[in-house]
């Protein structure tokens, strides 16, 4: 008989701790969009969306520019030749949590 385990609640940080985590992710990713390499208009994206039980954790976050972030979420962008499905696949398939510095939130 299979036992059904309860689903774990995703990690949710308060605003101050989330800002620290966000800054850590930006530093970890070299202040660059991890898709196109842009250094401007950067945002931090949840690879597994919060609405789909994605955690506020460095393993689940990636730095994207506004244009690539829009494409990941199915929007349109002026980013020449960008293909939304290819970007979504790249963002979800990479292990971006390769930080060389430890993260301390508390």
C-alpha atoms as a PDB file:
ATOM      1  CA  UNK A   1       0.000   0.000   0.000  1.00  0.00           C
ATOM      2  CA  UNK A   2       1.384   3.386  -1.000  1.00  0.00           C
ATOM      3  CA  UNK A   3       1.480   6.098   1.588  1.00  0.00           C
ATOM      4  CA  UNK A   4       0.605   9.589   0.382  1.00  0.00           C
ATOM      5  CA  UNK A   5       2.914  12.132   1.946  1.00  0.00           C
ATOM      6  CA  UNK A   6       1.628  15.619   2.696  1.00  0.00           C
ATOM      7  CA  UNK A   7       2.855  18.331   0.362  1.00  0.00           C
ATOM      8  CA  UNK A   8       5.483  20.573   1.924  1.00  0.00           C
ATOM      9  CA  UNK A   9       4.703  24.266   2.104  1.00  0.00           C
ATOM     10  CA  UNK A  10       6.974  26.377  -0.093  1.00  0.00           C
ATOM     11  CA  UNK A  11       9.502  28.675   1.556  1.00  0.00           C
ATOM     12  CA  UNK A  12       8.144  32.222   1.748  1.00  0.00           C
ATOM     13  CA  UNK A  13      10.392  34.985   3.028  1.00  0.00           C
ATOM     14  CA  UNK A  14       9.352  38.294   4.511  1.00  0.00           C
ATOM     15  CA  UNK A  15      10.103  41.403   2.442  1.00  0.00           C
ATOM     16  CA  UNK A  16      13.432  42.235   4.108  1.00  0.00           C
ATOM     17  CA  UNK A  17      14.799  38.683   3.801  1.00  0.00           C
ATOM     18  CA  UNK A  18      13.547  38.441   0.207  1.00  0.00           C
ATOM     19  CA  UNK A  19      15.447  41.634  -0.687  1.00  0.00           C
ATOM     20  CA  UNK A  20      18.636  40.090   0.765  1.00  0.00           C
ATOM     21  CA  UNK A  21      18.035  36.932  -1.248  1.00  0.00           C
ATOM     22  CA  UNK A  22      17.325  38.960  -4.401  1.00  0.00           C
ATOM     23  CA  UNK A  23      20.607  40.864  -4.016  1.00  0.00           C
ATOM     24  CA  UNK A  24      22.434  37.555  -3.431  1.00  0.00           C
ATOM     25  CA  UNK A  25      20.992  36.105  -6.659  1.00  0.00           C
ATOM     26  CA  UNK A  26      21.980  39.212  -8.635  1.00  0.00           C
ATOM     27  CA  UNK A  27      25.557  38.968  -7.263  1.00  0.00           C
ATOM     28  CA  UNK A  28      25.669  35.207  -7.866  1.00  0.00           C
ATOM     29  CA  UNK A  29      24.644  35.709 -11.491  1.00  0.00           C
ATOM     30  CA  UNK A  30      27.218  38.478 -12.003  1.00  0.00           C
ATOM     31  CA  UNK A  31      24.590  41.215 -12.406  1.00  0.00           C
ATOM     32  CA  UNK A  32      23.797  39.786 -15.868  1.00  0.00           C
ATOM     33  CA  UNK A  33      20.730  38.348 -17.534  1.00  0.00           C
ATOM     34  CA  UNK A  34      21.393  34.619 -17.620  1.00  0.00           C
ATOM     35  CA  UNK A  35      19.776  34.315 -21.054  1.00  0.00           C
ATOM     36  CA  UNK A  36      21.085  37.216 -23.141  1.00  0.00           C
ATOM     37  CA  UNK A  37      23.863  38.669 -20.949  1.00  0.00           C
ATOM     38  CA  UNK A  38      22.308  42.120 -20.590  1.00  0.00           C
ATOM     39  CA  UNK A  39      23.557  44.248 -17.689  1.00  0.00           C
ATOM     40  CA  UNK A  40      20.527  46.537 -17.475  1.00  0.00           C
ATOM     41  CA  UNK A  41      16.891  46.337 -16.411  1.00  0.00           C
ATOM     42  CA  UNK A  42      17.487  43.214 -14.325  1.00  0.00           C
ATOM     43  CA  UNK A  43      14.831  41.283 -12.431  1.00  0.00           C
ATOM     44  CA  UNK A  44      14.864  38.083 -10.405  1.00  0.00           C
ATOM     45  CA  UNK A  45      12.620  35.317 -11.768  1.00  0.00           C
ATOM     46  CA  UNK A  46      11.188  32.295  -9.944  1.00  0.00           C
ATOM     47  CA  UNK A  47      11.925  29.278 -12.177  1.00  0.00           C
ATOM     48  CA  UNK A  48       9.098  27.400 -10.469  1.00  0.00           C
ATOM     49  CA  UNK A  49       6.459  30.085 -10.074  1.00  0.00           C
ATOM     50  CA  UNK A  50       5.293  31.041  -6.594  1.00  0.00           C
ATOM     51  CA  UNK A  51       1.731  30.440  -7.777  1.00  0.00           C
ATOM     52  CA  UNK A  52       2.778  26.855  -8.504  1.00  0.00           C
ATOM     53  CA  UNK A  53       4.380  26.299  -5.079  1.00  0.00           C
ATOM     54  CA  UNK A  54       7.813  27.626  -6.060  1.00  0.00           C
ATOM     55  CA  UNK A  55      10.090  28.549  -3.164  1.00  0.00           C
ATOM     56  CA  UNK A  56      11.804  31.798  -2.338  1.00  0.00           C
ATOM     57  CA  UNK A  57      15.211  30.105  -2.501  1.00  0.00           C
ATOM     58  CA  UNK A  58      18.394  30.757  -4.437  1.00  0.00           C
ATOM     59  CA  UNK A  59      18.004  27.411  -6.227  1.00  0.00           C
ATOM     60  CA  UNK A  60      14.663  28.587  -7.626  1.00  0.00           C
ATOM     61  CA  UNK A  61      15.729  32.097  -8.661  1.00  0.00           C
ATOM     62  CA  UNK A  62      17.530  33.390 -11.750  1.00  0.00           C
ATOM     63  CA  UNK A  63      18.505  36.852 -12.984  1.00  0.00           C
ATOM     64  CA  UNK A  64      16.758  37.935 -16.181  1.00  0.00           C
ATOM     65  CA  UNK A  65      16.473  41.272 -17.978  1.00  0.00           C
ATOM     66  CA  UNK A  66      12.978  42.710 -18.430  1.00  0.00           C
ATOM     67  CA  UNK A  67      12.818  41.540 -22.074  1.00  0.00           C
ATOM     68  CA  UNK A  68      13.796  37.921 -21.348  1.00  0.00           C
ATOM     69  CA  UNK A  69      11.598  37.855 -18.220  1.00  0.00           C
ATOM     70  CA  UNK A  70       8.660  38.942 -20.347  1.00  0.00           C
ATOM     71  CA  UNK A  71       9.386  36.184 -22.852  1.00  0.00           C
ATOM     72  CA  UNK A  72       9.597  33.542 -20.122  1.00  0.00           C
ATOM     73  CA  UNK A  73       6.111  34.554 -19.024  1.00  0.00           C
ATOM     74  CA  UNK A  74       4.801  34.370 -22.590  1.00  0.00           C
ATOM     75  CA  UNK A  75       5.023  38.046 -23.482  1.00  0.00           C
ATOM     76  CA  UNK A  76       6.483  39.729 -26.515  1.00  0.00           C
ATOM     77  CA  UNK A  77       9.859  41.438 -26.629  1.00  0.00           C
ATOM     78  CA  UNK A  78      11.926  43.591 -28.917  1.00  0.00           C
ATOM     79  CA  UNK A  79      14.805  41.166 -28.259  1.00  0.00           C
ATOM     80  CA  UNK A  80      15.687  40.316 -31.872  1.00  0.00           C
ATOM     81  CA  UNK A  81      15.153  36.680 -32.757  1.00  0.00           C
ATOM     82  CA  UNK A  82      14.277  35.592 -29.225  1.00  0.00           C
ATOM     83  CA  UNK A  83      12.135  32.478 -29.083  1.00  0.00           C
ATOM     84  CA  UNK A  84       9.965  32.234 -25.931  1.00  0.00           C
ATOM     85  CA  UNK A  85       9.924  28.412 -25.784  1.00  0.00           C
ATOM     86  CA  UNK A  86      13.710  28.194 -26.169  1.00  0.00           C
ATOM     87  CA  UNK A  87      14.210  30.748 -23.398  1.00  0.00           C
ATOM     88  CA  UNK A  88      11.741  28.981 -21.074  1.00  0.00           C
ATOM     89  CA  UNK A  89      13.506  25.666 -21.685  1.00  0.00           C
ATOM     90  CA  UNK A  90      16.939  27.178 -21.023  1.00  0.00           C
ATOM     91  CA  UNK A  91      15.809  28.885 -17.817  1.00  0.00           C
ATOM     92  CA  UNK A  92      14.153  25.747 -16.436  1.00  0.00           C
ATOM     93  CA  UNK A  93      16.887  23.295 -17.442  1.00  0.00           C
ATOM     94  CA  UNK A  94      19.960  25.012 -16.008  1.00  0.00           C
ATOM     95  CA  UNK A  95      21.312  24.711 -12.492  1.00  0.00           C
ATOM     96  CA  UNK A  96      21.943  28.391 -11.790  1.00  0.00           C
ATOM     97  CA  UNK A  97      22.528  27.973  -8.068  1.00  0.00           C
ATOM     98  CA  UNK A  98      26.295  27.685  -8.274  1.00  0.00           C
ATOM     99  CA  UNK A  99      27.154  30.442  -5.850  1.00  0.00           C
ATOM    100  CA  UNK A 100      30.690  30.671  -4.573  1.00  0.00           C
ATOM    101  CA  UNK A 101      29.616  32.730  -1.581  1.00  0.00           C
ATOM    102  CA  UNK A 102      27.328  31.432   1.141  1.00  0.00           C
ATOM    103  CA  UNK A 103      23.964  33.028   1.670  1.00  0.00           C
ATOM    104  CA  UNK A 104      23.036  34.014   5.190  1.00  0.00           C
ATOM    105  CA  UNK A 105      19.558  35.409   5.687  1.00  0.00           C
ATOM    106  CA  UNK A 106      19.171  35.285   9.447  1.00  0.00           C
END
